[in-house]
N, C-alpha and C. Protein backbone atom coordinates (compact mmCIF):
# COMPACT_ATOMS: atom_id res chain seq x y z
N MET A 1 0.85 -1.16 0.00
CA MET A 1 0.00 0.00 0.00
C MET A 1 0.90 1.23 0.00
N LEU A 2 0.77 2.04 -1.04
CA LEU A 2 1.55 3.26 -1.16
C LEU A 2 0.76 4.44 -0.62
N PHE A 3 1.32 5.11 0.37
CA PHE A 3 0.73 6.31 0.94
C PHE A 3 1.59 7.51 0.57
N GLY A 4 1.03 8.68 0.60
CA GLY A 4 1.78 9.91 0.38
C GLY A 4 0.86 11.01 -0.08
N PRO A 5 1.34 12.25 0.03
CA PRO A 5 0.51 13.38 -0.39
C PRO A 5 0.36 13.42 -1.91
N PRO A 6 -0.61 14.19 -2.39
CA PRO A 6 -0.79 14.31 -3.84
C PRO A 6 0.50 14.77 -4.53
N GLY A 7 0.75 14.19 -5.69
CA GLY A 7 1.90 14.61 -6.49
C GLY A 7 3.22 14.01 -6.12
N VAL A 8 3.24 13.06 -5.19
CA VAL A 8 4.51 12.52 -4.73
C VAL A 8 4.99 11.36 -5.61
N GLY A 9 4.11 10.79 -6.44
CA GLY A 9 4.53 9.75 -7.36
C GLY A 9 3.89 8.39 -7.16
N LYS A 10 2.82 8.34 -6.40
CA LYS A 10 2.14 7.04 -6.19
C LYS A 10 1.66 6.45 -7.51
N ARG A 11 1.01 7.26 -8.32
CA ARG A 11 0.48 6.76 -9.58
C ARG A 11 1.60 6.34 -10.52
N THR A 12 2.69 7.07 -10.52
CA THR A 12 3.85 6.70 -11.35
C THR A 12 4.41 5.36 -10.90
N CYS A 13 4.51 5.15 -9.61
CA CYS A 13 4.98 3.85 -9.09
C CYS A 13 4.05 2.72 -9.54
N LEU A 14 2.75 2.97 -9.48
CA LEU A 14 1.78 1.97 -9.92
C LEU A 14 1.94 1.66 -11.41
N GLN A 15 2.15 2.69 -12.21
CA GLN A 15 2.30 2.49 -13.65
C GLN A 15 3.54 1.67 -13.97
N VAL A 16 4.66 1.99 -13.32
CA VAL A 16 5.90 1.24 -13.55
C VAL A 16 5.74 -0.20 -13.10
N ALA A 17 5.15 -0.42 -11.93
CA ALA A 17 4.94 -1.78 -11.43
C ALA A 17 4.04 -2.57 -12.37
N SER A 18 2.99 -1.92 -12.88
CA SER A 18 2.08 -2.59 -13.81
C SER A 18 2.80 -2.98 -15.10
N MET A 19 3.63 -2.09 -15.62
CA MET A 19 4.39 -2.39 -16.84
C MET A 19 5.34 -3.57 -16.62
N ARG A 20 5.73 -3.79 -15.38
CA ARG A 20 6.65 -4.89 -15.06
C ARG A 20 5.91 -6.16 -14.63
N GLY A 21 4.59 -6.16 -14.77
CA GLY A 21 3.83 -7.37 -14.55
C GLY A 21 3.16 -7.54 -13.21
N LEU A 22 3.27 -6.57 -12.31
CA LEU A 22 2.59 -6.68 -11.02
C LEU A 22 1.14 -6.23 -11.15
N LYS A 23 0.29 -6.82 -10.35
CA LYS A 23 -1.09 -6.36 -10.29
C LYS A 23 -1.12 -5.09 -9.46
N THR A 24 -1.70 -4.03 -10.01
CA THR A 24 -1.76 -2.76 -9.30
C THR A 24 -3.19 -2.26 -9.24
N VAL A 25 -3.50 -1.51 -8.19
CA VAL A 25 -4.83 -0.93 -8.02
C VAL A 25 -4.66 0.50 -7.52
N ASP A 26 -5.15 1.44 -8.32
CA ASP A 26 -5.20 2.84 -7.89
C ASP A 26 -6.58 3.04 -7.27
N LEU A 27 -6.63 3.31 -5.99
CA LEU A 27 -7.92 3.42 -5.31
C LEU A 27 -8.65 4.74 -5.58
N VAL A 28 -7.99 5.71 -6.18
CA VAL A 28 -8.64 7.00 -6.44
C VAL A 28 -9.93 6.83 -7.25
N PRO A 29 -9.91 6.11 -8.39
CA PRO A 29 -11.14 6.02 -9.18
C PRO A 29 -12.18 5.02 -8.65
N THR A 30 -11.94 4.39 -7.51
CA THR A 30 -12.90 3.40 -7.01
C THR A 30 -14.07 4.03 -6.26
N GLY A 31 -14.05 5.33 -6.08
CA GLY A 31 -15.15 6.01 -5.39
C GLY A 31 -14.97 7.50 -5.45
N SER A 32 -16.03 8.22 -5.12
CA SER A 32 -15.96 9.69 -5.19
C SER A 32 -15.65 10.33 -3.84
N ASN A 33 -15.50 9.51 -2.80
CA ASN A 33 -15.14 10.06 -1.50
C ASN A 33 -14.44 8.97 -0.67
N TYR A 34 -13.96 9.37 0.48
CA TYR A 34 -13.21 8.46 1.35
C TYR A 34 -14.00 7.20 1.68
N GLY A 35 -15.26 7.35 2.07
CA GLY A 35 -16.07 6.20 2.46
C GLY A 35 -16.24 5.20 1.32
N GLU A 36 -16.49 5.71 0.12
CA GLU A 36 -16.66 4.81 -1.03
C GLU A 36 -15.36 4.09 -1.36
N ARG A 37 -14.24 4.82 -1.32
CA ARG A 37 -12.94 4.20 -1.63
C ARG A 37 -12.56 3.17 -0.56
N LYS A 38 -12.86 3.47 0.70
CA LYS A 38 -12.56 2.52 1.77
C LYS A 38 -13.40 1.26 1.60
N ALA A 39 -14.68 1.41 1.29
CA ALA A 39 -15.56 0.25 1.08
C ALA A 39 -15.08 -0.58 -0.10
N ALA A 40 -14.67 0.08 -1.18
CA ALA A 40 -14.17 -0.64 -2.36
C ALA A 40 -12.90 -1.42 -2.02
N ALA A 41 -12.02 -0.81 -1.26
CA ALA A 41 -10.78 -1.49 -0.86
C ALA A 41 -11.11 -2.71 -0.01
N PHE A 42 -12.01 -2.57 0.94
CA PHE A 42 -12.35 -3.70 1.80
C PHE A 42 -12.98 -4.84 1.00
N ARG A 43 -13.78 -4.50 -0.02
CA ARG A 43 -14.33 -5.56 -0.88
C ARG A 43 -13.21 -6.29 -1.61
N MET A 44 -12.23 -5.56 -2.11
CA MET A 44 -11.10 -6.17 -2.82
C MET A 44 -10.29 -7.06 -1.88
N TRP A 45 -10.11 -6.61 -0.65
CA TRP A 45 -9.24 -7.33 0.29
C TRP A 45 -9.90 -8.60 0.82
N GLN A 46 -11.18 -8.80 0.59
CA GLN A 46 -11.85 -10.02 1.04
C GLN A 46 -11.44 -11.23 0.21
N ASP A 47 -11.04 -11.00 -1.03
CA ASP A 47 -10.61 -12.10 -1.89
C ASP A 47 -9.15 -12.44 -1.61
N PRO A 48 -8.81 -13.73 -1.57
CA PRO A 48 -7.42 -14.11 -1.34
C PRO A 48 -6.52 -13.58 -2.45
N VAL A 49 -5.34 -13.15 -2.06
CA VAL A 49 -4.37 -12.59 -3.00
C VAL A 49 -3.41 -13.69 -3.43
N ASP A 50 -3.24 -13.83 -4.73
CA ASP A 50 -2.26 -14.77 -5.27
C ASP A 50 -1.11 -13.95 -5.83
N GLY A 51 -0.04 -13.86 -5.09
CA GLY A 51 1.10 -13.06 -5.51
C GLY A 51 1.08 -11.69 -4.87
N VAL A 52 1.69 -10.73 -5.56
CA VAL A 52 1.85 -9.37 -5.03
C VAL A 52 0.86 -8.44 -5.70
N GLU A 53 0.21 -7.62 -4.91
CA GLU A 53 -0.64 -6.54 -5.40
C GLU A 53 -0.12 -5.24 -4.80
N LEU A 54 -0.07 -4.21 -5.61
CA LEU A 54 0.38 -2.91 -5.15
C LEU A 54 -0.77 -1.93 -5.26
N TYR A 55 -1.11 -1.30 -4.15
CA TYR A 55 -2.23 -0.36 -4.09
C TYR A 55 -1.73 1.06 -3.89
N GLY A 56 -2.35 2.00 -4.60
CA GLY A 56 -2.19 3.42 -4.32
C GLY A 56 -3.28 3.79 -3.35
N ALA A 57 -2.93 4.26 -2.17
CA ALA A 57 -3.87 4.40 -1.06
C ALA A 57 -4.91 5.49 -1.20
N ALA A 58 -4.75 6.40 -2.16
CA ALA A 58 -5.68 7.53 -2.27
C ALA A 58 -5.75 8.22 -0.91
N ASP A 59 -6.95 8.39 -0.34
CA ASP A 59 -7.08 9.06 0.95
C ASP A 59 -7.34 8.10 2.10
N LEU A 60 -7.09 6.80 1.88
CA LEU A 60 -7.22 5.86 2.98
C LEU A 60 -6.19 6.18 4.05
N ARG A 61 -6.48 5.80 5.25
CA ARG A 61 -5.56 6.02 6.37
C ARG A 61 -4.81 4.73 6.65
N ASN A 62 -3.68 4.87 7.29
CA ASN A 62 -2.85 3.70 7.61
C ASN A 62 -3.64 2.67 8.41
N HIS A 63 -4.49 3.11 9.35
CA HIS A 63 -5.24 2.17 10.18
C HIS A 63 -6.36 1.47 9.41
N ASP A 64 -6.64 1.89 8.17
CA ASP A 64 -7.64 1.21 7.34
C ASP A 64 -7.09 -0.08 6.74
N VAL A 65 -5.78 -0.19 6.63
CA VAL A 65 -5.14 -1.33 5.96
C VAL A 65 -5.08 -2.52 6.92
N PRO A 66 -5.46 -3.70 6.44
CA PRO A 66 -5.37 -4.89 7.31
C PRO A 66 -3.94 -5.07 7.83
N THR A 67 -3.84 -5.50 9.06
CA THR A 67 -2.51 -5.64 9.68
C THR A 67 -1.80 -6.91 9.25
N SER A 68 -2.54 -7.85 8.68
CA SER A 68 -1.94 -9.11 8.27
C SER A 68 -1.88 -9.20 6.75
N GLY A 69 -0.69 -9.44 6.22
CA GLY A 69 -0.55 -9.66 4.80
C GLY A 69 -0.32 -8.41 3.96
N TYR A 70 -0.30 -7.24 4.58
CA TYR A 70 -0.10 -5.99 3.84
C TYR A 70 1.02 -5.18 4.48
N GLU A 71 1.81 -4.57 3.63
CA GLU A 71 2.86 -3.66 4.07
C GLU A 71 2.50 -2.26 3.59
N THR A 72 2.87 -1.26 4.35
CA THR A 72 2.62 0.11 3.94
C THR A 72 3.94 0.82 3.68
N VAL A 73 3.91 1.71 2.68
CA VAL A 73 5.08 2.51 2.30
C VAL A 73 4.61 3.95 2.21
N LEU A 74 5.35 4.85 2.84
CA LEU A 74 5.03 6.28 2.79
C LEU A 74 6.02 6.97 1.86
N LEU A 75 5.50 7.55 0.78
CA LEU A 75 6.32 8.32 -0.14
C LEU A 75 6.19 9.79 0.23
N LEU A 76 7.32 10.46 0.30
CA LEU A 76 7.32 11.88 0.65
C LEU A 76 8.02 12.70 -0.43
N PRO A 77 7.57 13.94 -0.64
CA PRO A 77 8.25 14.80 -1.61
C PRO A 77 9.60 15.24 -1.06
N SER A 78 10.41 15.82 -1.92
CA SER A 78 11.68 16.38 -1.46
C SER A 78 11.41 17.47 -0.42
N ARG A 79 12.41 17.79 0.35
CA ARG A 79 12.26 18.82 1.39
C ARG A 79 11.80 20.15 0.78
N SER A 80 12.41 20.54 -0.34
CA SER A 80 12.04 21.81 -0.96
C SER A 80 10.58 21.80 -1.43
N GLU A 81 10.14 20.69 -2.01
CA GLU A 81 8.75 20.57 -2.46
C GLU A 81 7.81 20.56 -1.26
N TYR A 82 8.18 19.85 -0.21
CA TYR A 82 7.36 19.81 0.99
C TYR A 82 7.19 21.22 1.56
N LEU A 83 8.29 21.97 1.68
CA LEU A 83 8.22 23.33 2.22
C LEU A 83 7.41 24.24 1.33
N ARG A 84 7.54 24.09 0.00
CA ARG A 84 6.76 24.91 -0.93
C ARG A 84 5.27 24.65 -0.72
N ARG A 85 4.89 23.39 -0.61
CA ARG A 85 3.47 23.06 -0.40
C ARG A 85 2.99 23.53 0.96
N TYR A 86 3.84 23.41 1.96
CA TYR A 86 3.48 23.85 3.31
C TYR A 86 3.19 25.36 3.29
N GLU A 87 4.04 26.11 2.62
CA GLU A 87 3.85 27.56 2.55
C GLU A 87 2.54 27.91 1.85
N GLU A 88 2.15 27.11 0.85
CA GLU A 88 0.89 27.37 0.16
C GLU A 88 -0.30 27.18 1.08
N CYS A 89 -0.15 26.29 2.07
CA CYS A 89 -1.27 25.96 2.96
C CYS A 89 -1.44 26.95 4.10
N ILE A 90 -0.41 27.71 4.43
CA ILE A 90 -0.56 28.63 5.58
C ILE A 90 -0.84 30.05 5.17
């Protein structure tokens, strides 16, 4: 499960992994809000996984991910990009 703020490269990671033969799921288009995306993810996670699946977390939270069988990765922007975005928010 790839976590990170918008623009950090989650979708790019999914595209590269998909081109290399891994099953990937971008959760952004699975719903129009957090609740819908969370429900869609939980439906997907009910089926047994054969091999590796890589998910782009969209706006799911770390505690939404099952604790068994899933690893989480946090992608962060460079320090300069992080500070630029932070300044835009304040």
